[in-house]
PDB file of N, CA and C in Angstrom:
ATOM      1  N   MET A   1     -22.406  47.281 -28.279  1.00  0.00           N
ATOM      2  CA  MET A   1     -22.836  46.595 -26.283  1.00  0.00           C
ATOM      3  C   MET A   1     -23.231  45.706 -26.133  1.00  0.00           C
ATOM      4  N   ALA A   2     -23.540  44.733 -27.112  1.00  0.00           N
ATOM      5  CA  ALA A   2     -23.466  43.637 -26.867  1.00  0.00           C
ATOM      6  C   ALA A   2     -22.428  42.693 -27.150  1.00  0.00           C
ATOM      7  N   ASP A   3     -21.207  43.228 -27.441  1.00  0.00           N
ATOM      8  CA  ASP A   3     -20.120  42.252 -27.250  1.00  0.00           C
ATOM      9  C   ASP A   3     -19.350  42.585 -26.248  1.00  0.00           C
ATOM     10  N   LYS A   4     -19.760  43.497 -25.720  1.00  0.00           N
ATOM     11  CA  LYS A   4     -19.241  43.621 -24.002  1.00  0.00           C
ATOM     12  C   LYS A   4     -19.476  42.789 -23.279  1.00  0.00           C
ATOM     13  N   PRO A   5     -20.705  42.156 -22.789  1.00  0.00           N
ATOM     14  CA  PRO A   5     -21.423  40.986 -22.088  1.00  0.00           C
ATOM     15  C   PRO A   5     -20.667  39.893 -22.427  1.00  0.00           C
ATOM     16  N   LEU A   6     -20.625  39.667 -23.954  1.00  0.00           N
ATOM     17  CA  LEU A   6     -20.044  38.158 -24.410  1.00  0.00           C
ATOM     18  C   LEU A   6     -19.027  38.474 -24.245  1.00  0.00           C
ATOM     19  N   ALA A   7     -17.776  39.087 -24.973  1.00  0.00           N
ATOM     20  CA  ALA A   7     -16.378  39.021 -24.151  1.00  0.00           C
ATOM     21  C   ALA A   7     -16.606  39.102 -22.794  1.00  0.00           C
ATOM     22  N   THR A   8     -16.681  39.748 -22.113  1.00  0.00           N
ATOM     23  CA  THR A   8     -17.026  39.104 -20.584  1.00  0.00           C
ATOM     24  C   THR A   8     -17.045  37.904 -20.011  1.00  0.00           C
ATOM     25  N   SER A   9     -18.435  36.793 -20.781  1.00  0.00           N
ATOM     26  CA  SER A   9     -18.919  35.852 -20.885  1.00  0.00           C
ATOM     27  C   SER A   9     -17.308  35.050 -21.224  1.00  0.00           C
ATOM     28  N   ILE A  10     -16.939  35.399 -22.104  1.00  0.00           N
ATOM     29  CA  ILE A  10     -16.046  34.508 -22.787  1.00  0.00           C
ATOM     30  C   ILE A  10     -14.795  34.252 -21.899  1.00  0.00           C
ATOM     31  N   GLU A  11     -14.706  35.652 -21.783  1.00  0.00           N
ATOM     32  CA  GLU A  11     -13.111  35.805 -20.139  1.00  0.00           C
ATOM     33  C   GLU A  11     -13.874  35.034 -19.474  1.00  0.00           C
ATOM     34  N   ASN A  12     -14.518  34.914 -18.331  1.00  0.00           N
ATOM     35  CA  ASN A  12     -15.007  34.375 -17.685  1.00  0.00           C
ATOM     36  C   ASN A  12     -14.925  32.613 -17.926  1.00  0.00           C
ATOM     37  N   ILE A  13     -15.416  31.998 -18.684  1.00  0.00           N
ATOM     38  CA  ILE A  13     -14.953  30.594 -19.473  1.00  0.00           C
ATOM     39  C   ILE A  13     -13.684  30.343 -19.775  1.00  0.00           C
ATOM     40  N   GLU A  14     -12.954  31.283 -19.907  1.00  0.00           N
ATOM     41  CA  GLU A  14     -11.752  30.892 -20.335  1.00  0.00           C
ATOM     42  C   GLU A  14     -10.877  30.924 -18.633  1.00  0.00           C
ATOM     43  N   SER A  15     -11.238  31.559 -18.090  1.00  0.00           N
ATOM     44  CA  SER A  15     -10.747  31.994 -17.033  1.00  0.00           C
ATOM     45  C   SER A  15     -11.227  30.452 -16.026  1.00  0.00           C
ATOM     46  N   SER A  16     -12.198  29.970 -16.056  1.00  0.00           N
ATOM     47  CA  SER A  16     -13.119  28.943 -15.576  1.00  0.00           C
ATOM     48  C   SER A  16     -11.750  27.772 -15.517  1.00  0.00           C
ATOM     49  N   ILE A  17     -12.177  27.744 -17.424  1.00  0.00           N
ATOM     50  CA  ILE A  17     -11.470  26.582 -18.055  1.00  0.00           C
ATOM     51  C   ILE A  17      -9.660  26.293 -17.755  1.00  0.00           C
ATOM     52  N   GLU A  18      -8.815  27.311 -17.273  1.00  0.00           N
ATOM     53  CA  GLU A  18      -7.917  27.514 -16.978  1.00  0.00           C
ATOM     54  C   GLU A  18      -7.509  26.462 -15.652  1.00  0.00           C
ATOM     55  N   ALA A  19      -8.765  27.335 -14.968  1.00  0.00           N
ATOM     56  CA  ALA A  19      -8.689  26.799 -13.193  1.00  0.00           C
ATOM     57  C   ALA A  19      -8.939  25.056 -13.049  1.00  0.00           C
ATOM     58  N   LEU A  20      -9.737  24.800 -14.069  1.00  0.00           N
ATOM     59  CA  LEU A  20     -10.028  23.021 -14.180  1.00  0.00           C
ATOM     60  C   LEU A  20      -8.868  22.757 -14.794  1.00  0.00           C
ATOM     61  N   GLU A  21      -7.911  22.995 -15.998  1.00  0.00           N
ATOM     62  CA  GLU A  21      -6.887  22.614 -16.190  1.00  0.00           C
ATOM     63  C   GLU A  21      -5.947  22.760 -15.465  1.00  0.00           C
ATOM     64  N   SER A  22      -5.482  23.788 -14.874  1.00  0.00           N
ATOM     65  CA  SER A  22      -4.577  24.013 -13.534  1.00  0.00           C
ATOM     66  C   SER A  22      -5.220  22.956 -12.381  1.00  0.00           C
ATOM     67  N   ARG A  23      -6.103  22.351 -12.195  1.00  0.00           N
ATOM     68  CA  ARG A  23      -6.632  21.910 -10.765  1.00  0.00           C
ATOM     69  C   ARG A  23      -6.631  19.992 -11.364  1.00  0.00           C
ATOM     70  N   ASN A  24      -6.681  19.955 -12.453  1.00  0.00           N
ATOM     71  CA  ASN A  24      -6.412  18.649 -13.423  1.00  0.00           C
ATOM     72  C   ASN A  24      -4.866  18.319 -13.314  1.00  0.00           C
ATOM     73  N   ALA A  25      -4.403  19.298 -13.624  1.00  0.00           N
ATOM     74  CA  ALA A  25      -3.002  18.941 -13.589  1.00  0.00           C
ATOM     75  C   ALA A  25      -2.109  18.927 -12.196  1.00  0.00           C
ATOM     76  N   PHE A  26      -2.724  19.825 -11.131  1.00  0.00           N
ATOM     77  CA  PHE A  26      -2.320  19.409 -10.172  1.00  0.00           C
ATOM     78  C   PHE A  26      -2.865  17.867  -9.573  1.00  0.00           C
ATOM     79  N   GLN A  27      -3.599  17.500  -9.272  1.00  0.00           N
ATOM     80  CA  GLN A  27      -4.319  15.896  -9.350  1.00  0.00           C
ATOM     81  C   GLN A  27      -3.534  14.819 -10.001  1.00  0.00           C
ATOM     82  N   ASP A  28      -3.479  15.270 -11.312  1.00  0.00           N
ATOM     83  CA  ASP A  28      -2.650  13.694 -11.638  1.00  0.00           C
ATOM     84  C   ASP A  28      -1.336  14.002 -11.362  1.00  0.00           C
ATOM     85  N   ASP A  29      -0.334  15.286 -11.162  1.00  0.00           N
ATOM     86  CA  ASP A  29       0.455  14.805 -10.251  1.00  0.00           C
ATOM     87  C   ASP A  29       0.591  13.928  -8.899  1.00  0.00           C
ATOM     88  N   ILE A  30      -0.650  14.586  -8.586  1.00  0.00           N
ATOM     89  CA  ILE A  30      -1.064  13.551  -7.018  1.00  0.00           C
ATOM     90  C   ILE A  30      -0.922  12.290  -6.776  1.00  0.00           C
ATOM     91  N   ILE A  31      -1.839  12.201  -8.021  1.00  0.00           N
ATOM     92  CA  ILE A  31      -2.026  10.529  -8.552  1.00  0.00           C
ATOM     93  C   ILE A  31      -1.582   9.808  -8.751  1.00  0.00           C
ATOM     94  N   GLU A  32       0.000  10.248  -9.165  1.00  0.00           N
ATOM     95  CA  GLU A  32       1.041  10.064  -9.613  1.00  0.00           C
ATOM     96  C   GLU A  32       2.456   9.523  -8.504  1.00  0.00           C
ATOM     97  N   GLN A  33       1.990  10.355  -7.261  1.00  0.00           N
ATOM     98  CA  GLN A  33       2.587  10.314  -6.268  1.00  0.00           C
ATOM     99  C   GLN A  33       2.334   9.186  -5.758  1.00  0.00           C
ATOM    100  N   LEU A  34       1.051   9.086  -5.493  1.00  0.00           N
ATOM    101  CA  LEU A  34       0.219   7.807  -4.694  1.00  0.00           C
ATOM    102  C   LEU A  34       0.224   7.281  -5.153  1.00  0.00           C
ATOM    103  N   ASN A  35       0.757   6.789  -6.889  1.00  0.00           N
ATOM    104  CA  ASN A  35       0.890   5.092  -7.344  1.00  0.00           C
ATOM    105  C   ASN A  35       2.218   4.656  -6.678  1.00  0.00           C
ATOM    106  N   ASN A  36       3.335   5.880  -7.165  1.00  0.00           N
ATOM    107  CA  ASN A  36       4.640   5.503  -6.583  1.00  0.00           C
ATOM    108  C   ASN A  36       4.524   4.874  -5.406  1.00  0.00           C
ATOM    109  N   GLU A  37       3.566   5.995  -4.174  1.00  0.00           N
ATOM    110  CA  GLU A  37       4.011   5.142  -3.163  1.00  0.00           C
ATOM    111  C   GLU A  37       3.290   4.104  -2.800  1.00  0.00           C
ATOM    112  N   LEU A  38       1.804   3.832  -3.418  1.00  0.00           N
ATOM    113  CA  LEU A  38       1.439   2.493  -3.552  1.00  0.00           C
ATOM    114  C   LEU A  38       2.146   1.238  -3.915  1.00  0.00           C
ATOM    115  N   THR A  39       2.960   1.473  -4.628  1.00  0.00           N
ATOM    116  CA  THR A  39       3.998   0.593  -5.417  1.00  0.00           C
ATOM    117  C   THR A  39       4.949  -0.280  -4.295  1.00  0.00           C
ATOM    118  N   ILE A  40       5.712   1.403  -3.449  1.00  0.00           N
ATOM    119  CA  ILE A  40       6.813   1.138  -2.816  1.00  0.00           C
ATOM    120  C   ILE A  40       6.391   0.363  -1.316  1.00  0.00           C
ATOM    121  N   HIS A  41       5.337   0.592  -1.250  1.00  0.00           N
ATOM    122  CA  HIS A  41       4.083  -0.228  -0.121  1.00  0.00           C
ATOM    123  C   HIS A  41       4.128  -1.841  -0.535  1.00  0.00           C
ATOM    124  N   GLN A  42       4.080  -1.985  -1.783  1.00  0.00           N
ATOM    125  CA  GLN A  42       3.570  -3.172  -2.202  1.00  0.00           C
ATOM    126  C   GLN A  42       4.784  -3.979  -2.188  1.00  0.00           C
ATOM    127  N   GLU A  43       5.572  -3.741  -2.686  1.00  0.00           N
ATOM    128  CA  GLU A  43       6.947  -4.223  -2.516  1.00  0.00           C
ATOM    129  C   GLU A  43       7.383  -4.326  -0.617  1.00  0.00           C
ATOM    130  N   GLU A  44       7.128  -3.636  -0.155  1.00  0.00           N
ATOM    131  CA  GLU A  44       7.811  -3.879   1.031  1.00  0.00           C
ATOM    132  C   GLU A  44       6.793  -4.573   2.102  1.00  0.00           C
ATOM    133  N   ILE A  45       5.314  -5.505   1.526  1.00  0.00           N
ATOM    134  CA  ILE A  45       4.539  -5.907   1.847  1.00  0.00           C
ATOM    135  C   ILE A  45       4.703  -7.374   1.580  1.00  0.00           C
ATOM    136  N   SER A  46       5.197  -7.498   0.074  1.00  0.00           N
ATOM    137  CA  SER A  46       5.786  -8.857  -0.379  1.00  0.00           C
ATOM    138  C   SER A  46       6.516  -9.435   0.528  1.00  0.00           C
ATOM    139  N   ASN A  47       8.038  -8.398   0.570  1.00  0.00           N
ATOM    140  CA  ASN A  47       8.808  -8.476   1.664  1.00  0.00           C
ATOM    141  C   ASN A  47       8.797  -9.155   2.802  1.00  0.00           C
ATOM    142  N   LEU A  48       7.903  -8.363   3.080  1.00  0.00           N
ATOM    143  CA  LEU A  48       7.211  -8.676   4.459  1.00  0.00           C
ATOM    144  C   LEU A  48       6.828 -10.133   4.701  1.00  0.00           C
ATOM    145  N   LYS A  49       5.542 -10.665   3.952  1.00  0.00           N
ATOM    146  CA  LYS A  49       5.504 -11.774   3.696  1.00  0.00           C
ATOM    147  C   LYS A  49       6.524 -12.877   3.616  1.00  0.00           C
ATOM    148  N   SER A  50       7.888 -12.538   2.517  1.00  0.00           N
ATOM    149  CA  SER A  50       8.252 -13.611   2.381  1.00  0.00           C
ATOM    150  C   SER A  50       9.453 -14.193   3.892  1.00  0.00           C
ATOM    151  N   GLN A  51       9.623 -12.826   4.119  1.00  0.00           N
ATOM    152  CA  GLN A  51      10.414 -12.915   5.372  1.00  0.00           C
ATOM    153  C   GLN A  51       9.372 -13.161   6.757  1.00  0.00           C
ATOM    154  N   LEU A  52       8.157 -13.489   6.570  1.00  0.00           N
ATOM    155  CA  LEU A  52       7.725 -14.429   7.417  1.00  0.00           C
ATOM    156  C   LEU A  52       6.922 -15.098   7.417  1.00  0.00           C
ATOM    157  N   LYS A  53       7.166 -15.638   6.635  1.00  0.00           N
ATOM    158  CA  LYS A  53       6.933 -17.421   5.968  1.00  0.00           C
ATOM    159  C   LYS A  53       8.294 -17.906   6.168  1.00  0.00           C
ATOM    160  N   LEU A  54       9.396 -17.238   6.261  1.00  0.00           N
ATOM    161  CA  LEU A  54      10.993 -18.181   6.724  1.00  0.00           C
ATOM    162  C   LEU A  54      10.942 -18.510   8.115  1.00  0.00           C
ATOM    163  N   ILE A  55      10.427 -17.404   9.071  1.00  0.00           N
ATOM    164  CA  ILE A  55      10.249 -17.118  10.290  1.00  0.00           C
ATOM    165  C   ILE A  55       9.700 -18.458  10.580  1.00  0.00           C
ATOM    166  N   ALA A  56       8.638 -18.857  10.278  1.00  0.00           N
ATOM    167  CA  ALA A  56       7.525 -19.517  10.403  1.00  0.00           C
ATOM    168  C   ALA A  56       8.224 -20.575   9.837  1.00  0.00           C
ATOM    169  N   SER A  57       8.583 -21.285   8.825  1.00  0.00           N
ATOM    170  CA  SER A  57       9.230 -22.115   8.504  1.00  0.00           C
ATOM    171  C   SER A  57      10.353 -22.451   9.985  1.00  0.00           C
ATOM    172  N   ARG A  58      11.100 -21.983  10.092  1.00  0.00           N
ATOM    173  CA  ARG A  58      12.442 -21.954  11.006  1.00  0.00           C
ATOM    174  C   ARG A  58      11.886 -22.789  12.534  1.00  0.00           C
ATOM    175  N   ILE A  59      10.919 -21.940  12.724  1.00  0.00           N
ATOM    176  CA  ILE A  59      10.424 -22.219  13.949  1.00  0.00           C
ATOM    177  C   ILE A  59       9.612 -23.473  13.411  1.00  0.00           C
ATOM    178  N   LYS A  60       8.646 -23.955  12.781  1.00  0.00           N
ATOM    179  CA  LYS A  60       8.473 -24.623  12.469  1.00  0.00           C
ATOM    180  C   LYS A  60       9.566 -25.975  12.838  1.00  0.00           C
ATOM    181  N   ASP A  61      10.359 -25.792  12.172  1.00  0.00           N
ATOM    182  CA  ASP A  61      11.605 -26.584  12.019  1.00  0.00           C
ATOM    183  C   ASP A  61      12.168 -27.222  13.271  1.00  0.00           C
ATOM    184  N   ASN A  62      12.310 -25.775  14.224  1.00  0.00           N
ATOM    185  CA  ASN A  62      12.842 -26.039  15.494  1.00  0.00           C
ATOM    186  C   ASN A  62      12.495 -26.511  17.063  1.00  0.00           C
ATOM    187  N   THR A  63      10.624 -26.403  16.375  1.00  0.00           N
ATOM    188  CA  THR A  63      10.402 -27.286  17.021  1.00  0.00           C
ATOM    189  C   THR A  63      10.158 -28.347  17.442  1.00  0.00           C
ATOM    190  N   PRO A  64       9.958 -29.178  18.441  1.00  0.00           N
ATOM    191  CA  PRO A  64      10.432 -30.684  18.378  1.00  0.00           C
ATOM    192  C   PRO A  64       8.926 -31.384  18.299  1.00  0.00           C
ATOM    193  N   SER A  65       8.940 -31.833  17.957  1.00  0.00           N
ATOM    194  CA  SER A  65       7.129 -33.004  17.716  1.00  0.00           C
ATOM    195  C   SER A  65       6.983 -33.474  18.842  1.00  0.00           C
ATOM    196  N   GLU A  66       6.032 -34.061  19.260  1.00  0.00           N
ATOM    197  CA  GLU A  66       5.567 -34.646  20.636  1.00  0.00           C
ATOM    198  C   GLU A  66       6.288 -35.932  20.944  1.00  0.00           C
ATOM    199  N   SER A  67       6.550 -36.585  19.769  1.00  0.00           N
ATOM    200  CA  SER A  67       7.504 -38.081  19.780  1.00  0.00           C
ATOM    201  C   SER A  67       8.889 -37.691  20.469  1.00  0.00           C
ATOM    202  N   ILE A  68       8.809 -36.838  20.088  1.00  0.00           N
ATOM    203  CA  ILE A  68      10.958 -36.708  19.930  1.00  0.00           C
ATOM    204  C   ILE A  68      10.416 -35.804  21.806  1.00  0.00           C
ATOM    205  N   THR A  69       9.404 -35.102  22.089  1.00  0.00           N
ATOM    206  CA  THR A  69       9.657 -34.629  23.150  1.00  0.00           C
ATOM    207  C   THR A  69       9.594 -35.999  24.214  1.00  0.00           C
ATOM    208  N   GLU A  70       8.522 -36.973  23.760  1.00  0.00           N
ATOM    209  CA  GLU A  70       8.952 -37.585  25.012  1.00  0.00           C
ATOM    210  C   GLU A  70       9.827 -39.168  24.836  1.00  0.00           C
ATOM    211  N   GLU A  71      10.090 -38.925  23.907  1.00  0.00           N
ATOM    212  CA  GLU A  71      12.008 -39.763  23.790  1.00  0.00           C
ATOM    213  C   GLU A  71      12.864 -38.785  24.674  1.00  0.00           C
ATOM    214  N   ILE A  72      12.924 -37.981  24.596  1.00  0.00           N
ATOM    215  CA  ILE A  72      14.000 -36.746  25.363  1.00  0.00           C
ATOM    216  C   ILE A  72      13.606 -37.510  26.690  1.00  0.00           C
ATOM    217  N   GLU A  73      12.214 -36.575  27.055  1.00  0.00           N
ATOM    218  CA  GLU A  73      11.905 -36.535  28.810  1.00  0.00           C
ATOM    219  C   GLU A  73      10.506 -37.678  28.949  1.00  0.00           C
ATOM    220  N   PRO A  74      11.786 -38.570  29.795  1.00  0.00           N
ATOM    221  CA  PRO A  74      10.460 -39.663  30.048  1.00  0.00           C
ATOM    222  C   PRO A  74       9.340 -39.341  30.864  1.00  0.00           C
ATOM    223  N   PRO A  75       8.596 -40.382  30.634  1.00  0.00           N
ATOM    224  CA  PRO A  75       7.160 -39.817  31.593  1.00  0.00           C
ATOM    225  C   PRO A  75       7.576 -39.205  33.156  1.00  0.00           C
ATOM    226  N   PRO A  76       6.621 -38.515  33.931  1.00  0.00           N
ATOM    227  CA  PRO A  76       7.221 -38.967  35.361  1.00  0.00           C
ATOM    228  C   PRO A  76       6.589 -39.973  35.849  1.00  0.00           C
ATOM    229  N   PRO A  77       7.026 -40.246  36.748  1.00  0.00           N
ATOM    230  CA  PRO A  77       6.506 -41.487  37.776  1.00  0.00           C
ATOM    231  C   PRO A  77       5.486 -41.612  38.397  1.00  0.00           C
ATOM    232  N   HIS A  78       4.485 -42.418  38.171  1.00  0.00           N
ATOM    233  CA  HIS A  78       2.659 -42.346  39.345  1.00  0.00           C
ATOM    234  C   HIS A  78       3.173 -42.609  40.527  1.00  0.00           C
ATOM    235  N   TYR A  79       2.488 -42.300  41.610  1.00  0.00           N
ATOM    236  CA  TYR A  79       2.202 -42.547  42.701  1.00  0.00           C
ATOM    237  C   TYR A  79       1.167 -43.052  43.091  1.00  0.00           C
TER     238      TYR A  79
END
């Protein structure tokens, strides 16, 4: 009779271990997917930063400085 409760207890432990292993495998898969997504997003952010720097550089190069603006447009006459 002592073997039945022990066998039941071992079966419960085995089923608990199997459930934990299943959850662990699922979590490992989800972590891998999230890691892949994170890598993709980091690459996109890096590309966007590069493009933003290029745009800022082009805007800076195309914006006339104050001295050039004064040479192009003479100051208005004073009354």
